[in-house]
Amino acid sequence: MAIGVGLIELGDDGRCYNAYAVCLPDGALHVHRKLHAFEHPAIASGDRYTVFDTPWGVRVGVLICWDNNLVENVRATALMGAEVLMAPHQTGGTHSRSPHGMKPIPQALWQRRAEDPQAIEAAFRGEHGRGWLMRWLPSRAHDNGLFLLFSNGVGRDDDEVRTGNAMILDPYGRIVAETWAAEDRMVSADLDLALIPLSTGRRWIYGRRPELYGSLTEPQGYERDARSARFSTQPTGRGG
């Protein structure tokens, strides 16, 4: 069994990182530091991808929360050989600065979850929970031909309510297992690794033309640090 745990790591450089440690049964320990940390000014961003071999013959990658929103990160992880992506999150019901992005779940629904479980589960399945995830999460699995293990907090998180929605997606972006329960709930599934080699996403990767993609690594002049990009209420990018 592999066990993953999130923590605030104090690095040898004296800085704190939002980290996720994966412990393997052979004693190996792999720690990913969130690449786009915005939680607090004292939390530094990591500077490298995390992909590793496991005793089961499958390569696993890790990306934390907002790392997964930037498409380049998932593609880079896939190019490093990841067949399974562990994607721990703390999301759903957040106050996005994008007008049509996620919005908060009313705390009253969470407080009354025992009396009215249908109401909170409907919110968790709605546009600010599962509905928001369905706009982008399946494409990360599909476009890169990998399994994606999405885990998430559930319940009160300061003044917001996290929506859970733990799920496992296959290399075609299909949901293999999921939950929208308003409680701690674990999902599990057998992963058919034979789906990966001829998946649509892997075909697309095989058809890449790296010589055309130089602009992806060239600064455009409007890049922001993660905290500014996440919380800005002003337009970004060209014309911003």
Protein backbone atom coordinates (compact mmCIF):
# COMPACT_ATOMS: atom_id res chain seq x y z
CA MET A 1 0.00 0.00 0.00
CA ALA A 2 1.07 3.58 -0.68
CA ILE A 3 -0.04 6.29 1.72
CA GLY A 4 -0.07 10.00 0.94
CA VAL A 5 -0.24 12.78 3.50
CA GLY A 6 -0.30 16.55 3.18
CA LEU A 7 1.82 18.71 5.46
CA ILE A 8 3.60 22.01 5.86
CA GLU A 9 7.26 21.13 5.33
CA LEU A 10 10.13 23.17 6.74
CA GLY A 11 12.87 22.93 4.14
CA ASP A 12 16.60 22.97 4.72
CA ASP A 13 16.52 26.48 3.26
CA GLY A 14 14.41 27.65 6.20
CA ARG A 15 11.30 28.17 4.06
CA CYS A 16 7.92 26.50 4.49
CA TYR A 17 6.29 24.52 1.69
CA ASN A 18 2.84 23.09 1.05
CA ALA A 19 3.97 19.50 0.60
CA TYR A 20 2.54 16.04 -0.04
CA ALA A 21 4.53 12.99 1.06
CA VAL A 22 3.97 9.58 -0.50
CA CYS A 23 5.18 6.63 1.58
CA LEU A 24 5.77 3.33 -0.22
CA PRO A 25 5.87 -0.16 1.34
CA ASP A 26 9.57 -0.56 0.49
CA GLY A 27 10.39 2.40 2.74
CA ALA A 28 10.80 4.92 -0.07
CA LEU A 29 9.51 8.43 0.58
CA HIS A 30 8.70 10.95 -2.15
CA VAL A 31 7.78 14.53 -1.30
CA HIS A 32 6.21 16.98 -3.73
CA ARG A 33 6.23 20.69 -2.98
CA LYS A 34 3.33 22.63 -4.46
CA LEU A 35 4.60 24.51 -7.51
CA HIS A 36 2.08 27.35 -7.31
CA ALA A 37 1.62 28.09 -3.61
CA PHE A 38 -0.77 30.93 -2.81
CA GLU A 39 -2.09 29.98 0.65
CA HIS A 40 0.04 32.44 2.64
CA PRO A 41 2.95 34.78 1.90
CA ALA A 42 5.14 32.60 4.14
CA ILE A 43 4.53 29.51 1.98
CA ALA A 44 7.13 29.18 -0.79
CA SER A 45 6.53 27.47 -4.13
CA GLY A 46 8.38 24.32 -5.13
CA ASP A 47 10.64 24.20 -8.17
CA ARG A 48 10.50 20.65 -9.53
CA TYR A 49 8.14 17.91 -10.64
CA THR A 50 7.69 14.70 -8.71
CA VAL A 51 7.46 11.42 -10.63
CA PHE A 52 8.66 8.10 -9.26
CA ASP A 53 8.59 4.34 -9.73
CA THR A 54 6.61 2.10 -7.40
CA PRO A 55 6.88 -1.57 -6.37
CA TRP A 56 3.85 -2.31 -8.58
CA GLY A 57 5.61 -1.40 -11.81
CA VAL A 58 3.68 1.83 -12.36
CA ARG A 59 5.12 5.36 -12.41
CA VAL A 60 3.27 7.87 -10.26
CA GLY A 61 3.29 11.66 -10.31
CA VAL A 62 2.04 14.17 -7.75
CA LEU A 63 0.58 17.64 -8.30
CA ILE A 64 -1.08 19.61 -5.51
CA CYS A 65 -4.33 21.51 -6.00
CA TRP A 66 -3.70 24.57 -8.24
CA ASP A 67 -0.73 22.78 -9.84
CA ASN A 68 -3.34 20.75 -11.71
CA ASN A 69 -5.16 23.78 -13.08
CA LEU A 70 -2.18 24.80 -15.20
CA VAL A 71 -2.21 22.40 -18.12
CA GLU A 72 1.56 22.54 -18.60
CA ASN A 73 2.16 20.85 -15.25
CA VAL A 74 0.11 17.76 -16.01
CA ARG A 75 1.65 17.43 -19.46
CA ALA A 76 5.17 17.76 -18.04
CA THR A 77 4.36 15.09 -15.46
CA ALA A 78 3.05 12.78 -18.19
CA LEU A 79 6.17 13.37 -20.29
CA MET A 80 8.24 12.23 -17.31
CA GLY A 81 6.44 8.89 -17.55
CA ALA A 82 3.64 9.25 -15.02
CA GLU A 83 0.85 6.74 -15.59
CA VAL A 84 -1.05 7.62 -12.43
CA LEU A 85 -1.38 11.18 -11.12
CA MET A 86 -2.10 11.76 -7.45
CA ALA A 87 -3.93 15.09 -7.20
CA PRO A 88 -4.63 16.10 -3.59
CA HIS A 89 -6.79 19.22 -3.35
CA GLN A 90 -8.50 21.60 -0.97
CA THR A 91 -11.14 23.06 -3.24
CA GLY A 92 -14.79 23.35 -4.13
CA GLY A 93 -16.94 26.19 -2.86
CA THR A 94 -14.11 28.71 -3.13
CA HIS A 95 -14.62 32.38 -3.90
CA SER A 96 -13.13 32.60 -7.38
CA ARG A 97 -12.36 36.08 -8.67
CA SER A 98 -13.49 34.90 -12.11
CA PRO A 99 -17.10 36.03 -12.64
CA HIS A 100 -18.21 32.60 -13.84
CA GLY A 101 -15.87 30.52 -11.68
CA MET A 102 -16.57 28.77 -8.39
CA LYS A 103 -18.52 30.51 -5.66
CA PRO A 104 -19.03 29.66 -1.97
CA ILE A 105 -21.38 26.98 -0.68
CA PRO A 106 -23.71 28.44 2.00
CA GLN A 107 -22.40 27.43 5.40
CA ALA A 108 -25.95 26.89 6.60
CA LEU A 109 -26.20 23.87 4.30
CA TRP A 110 -23.16 22.31 5.96
CA GLN A 111 -24.41 23.10 9.45
CA ARG A 112 -27.73 21.40 8.66
CA ARG A 113 -26.22 18.42 6.83
CA ALA A 114 -27.59 15.92 9.35
CA GLU A 115 -31.12 17.31 9.15
CA ASP A 116 -31.10 17.88 5.39
CA PRO A 117 -28.43 15.70 3.71
CA GLN A 118 -30.08 16.06 0.29
CA ALA A 119 -29.51 19.83 0.25
CA ILE A 120 -25.78 19.70 0.99
CA GLU A 121 -25.21 16.80 -1.39
CA ALA A 122 -27.04 18.70 -4.13
CA ALA A 123 -24.69 21.64 -3.53
CA PHE A 124 -21.64 19.36 -3.60
CA ARG A 125 -22.82 17.93 -6.92
CA GLY A 126 -23.72 21.37 -8.28
CA GLU A 127 -21.86 24.00 -10.28
CA HIS A 128 -19.64 25.08 -7.38
CA GLY A 129 -18.57 21.53 -6.51
CA ARG A 130 -18.61 18.57 -8.89
CA GLY A 131 -19.94 20.70 -11.74
CA TRP A 132 -16.89 22.93 -11.60
CA LEU A 133 -14.55 19.93 -11.53
CA MET A 134 -16.22 18.49 -14.60
CA ARG A 135 -15.27 21.59 -16.59
CA TRP A 136 -11.58 20.71 -16.50
CA LEU A 137 -10.54 17.69 -14.42
CA PRO A 138 -11.48 14.93 -16.92
CA SER A 139 -9.45 16.68 -19.62
CA ARG A 140 -6.28 16.42 -17.53
CA ALA A 141 -6.64 12.64 -17.47
CA HIS A 142 -7.89 12.32 -21.05
CA ASP A 143 -5.42 14.67 -22.75
CA ASN A 144 -2.44 13.00 -21.11
CA GLY A 145 -3.60 9.38 -21.12
CA LEU A 146 -3.22 8.74 -17.41
CA PHE A 147 -5.25 7.75 -14.37
CA LEU A 148 -6.03 10.63 -12.04
CA LEU A 149 -6.67 10.19 -8.31
CA PHE A 150 -8.50 13.28 -7.06
CA SER A 151 -8.73 13.67 -3.29
CA ASN A 152 -10.17 16.67 -1.52
CA GLY A 153 -11.13 18.07 1.85
CA VAL A 154 -14.76 18.12 2.92
CA GLY A 155 -16.49 20.51 5.30
CA ARG A 156 -15.61 23.81 6.97
CA ASP A 157 -12.34 25.45 5.91
CA ASP A 158 -12.19 28.84 7.62
CA ASP A 159 -15.16 30.73 6.16
CA GLU A 160 -15.76 28.37 3.22
CA VAL A 161 -17.08 24.83 2.77
CA ARG A 162 -15.02 22.28 0.83
CA THR A 163 -17.03 19.88 -1.29
CA GLY A 164 -15.19 16.56 -1.15
CA ASN A 165 -16.07 14.90 -4.47
CA ALA A 166 -13.19 12.41 -4.27
CA MET A 167 -12.95 10.54 -7.56
CA ILE A 168 -10.81 8.32 -9.76
CA LEU A 169 -10.67 8.98 -13.49
CA ASP A 170 -9.33 6.69 -16.20
CA PRO A 171 -7.10 7.67 -19.17
CA TYR A 172 -10.19 8.56 -21.19
CA GLY A 173 -11.39 11.03 -18.57
CA ARG A 174 -14.17 8.70 -17.44
CA ILE A 175 -15.07 8.52 -13.77
CA VAL A 176 -14.34 5.06 -12.37
CA ALA A 177 -15.39 5.80 -8.79
CA GLU A 178 -16.57 8.90 -6.93
CA THR A 179 -18.41 10.24 -3.91
CA TRP A 180 -20.28 13.45 -3.20
CA ALA A 181 -21.19 12.57 0.38
CA ALA A 182 -20.99 15.37 2.95
CA GLU A 183 -18.64 13.36 5.15
CA ASP A 184 -15.22 11.75 5.06
CA ARG A 185 -15.50 9.06 2.42
CA MET A 186 -12.86 7.05 0.54
CA VAL A 187 -13.22 5.70 -2.98
CA SER A 188 -11.26 2.84 -4.51
CA ALA A 189 -11.01 1.05 -7.83
CA ASP A 190 -8.90 -1.43 -9.76
CA LEU A 191 -6.89 0.40 -12.43
CA ASP A 192 -6.60 -1.29 -15.81
CA LEU A 193 -3.16 -0.12 -16.91
CA ALA A 194 -3.72 -1.72 -20.31
CA LEU A 195 -5.93 1.29 -21.13
CA ILE A 196 -2.96 3.66 -21.17
CA PRO A 197 -0.79 2.80 -24.22
CA LEU A 198 -3.49 3.26 -26.89
CA SER A 199 -5.51 5.92 -25.08
CA THR A 200 -6.40 9.05 -27.02
CA GLY A 201 -4.16 11.23 -24.87
CA ARG A 202 -1.13 9.00 -25.44
CA ARG A 203 -1.72 9.13 -29.19
CA TRP A 204 -1.74 12.92 -28.96
CA ILE A 205 1.49 12.88 -26.97
CA TYR A 206 3.11 10.65 -29.58
CA GLY A 207 2.09 13.21 -32.21
CA ARG A 208 3.74 16.16 -30.49
CA ARG A 209 6.01 18.58 -32.38
CA PRO A 210 8.27 19.99 -29.65
CA GLU A 211 10.04 22.29 -32.10
CA LEU A 212 6.87 24.38 -32.29
CA TYR A 213 6.38 24.86 -28.55
CA GLY A 214 9.17 27.24 -27.64
CA SER A 215 6.70 29.99 -26.77
CA LEU A 216 5.41 27.87 -23.87
CA THR A 217 8.66 28.46 -21.98
CA GLU A 218 9.22 32.08 -23.00
CA PRO A 219 8.08 34.76 -20.52
CA GLN A 220 5.36 36.94 -22.01
CA GLY A 221 5.84 39.81 -19.60
CA TYR A 222 2.54 39.51 -17.75
CA GLU A 223 3.31 36.50 -15.54
CA ARG A 224 2.45 36.89 -11.86
CA ASP A 225 3.33 34.99 -8.75
CA ALA A 226 0.76 32.38 -7.78
CA ARG A 227 -0.81 34.39 -4.97
CA SER A 228 -1.28 37.48 -7.13
CA ALA A 229 -2.66 35.46 -10.05
CA ARG A 230 -5.07 33.53 -7.81
CA PHE A 231 -6.51 36.47 -5.90
CA SER A 232 -6.27 39.37 -8.34
CA THR A 233 -9.53 41.13 -9.20
CA GLN A 234 -7.94 42.90 -12.16
CA PRO A 235 -7.70 41.55 -15.72
CA THR A 236 -4.52 39.65 -16.49
CA GLY A 237 -2.60 38.96 -19.66
CA ARG A 238 -2.59 40.97 -22.85
CA GLY A 239 -4.55 44.16 -22.58
CA GLY A 240 -4.60 43.86 -18.79
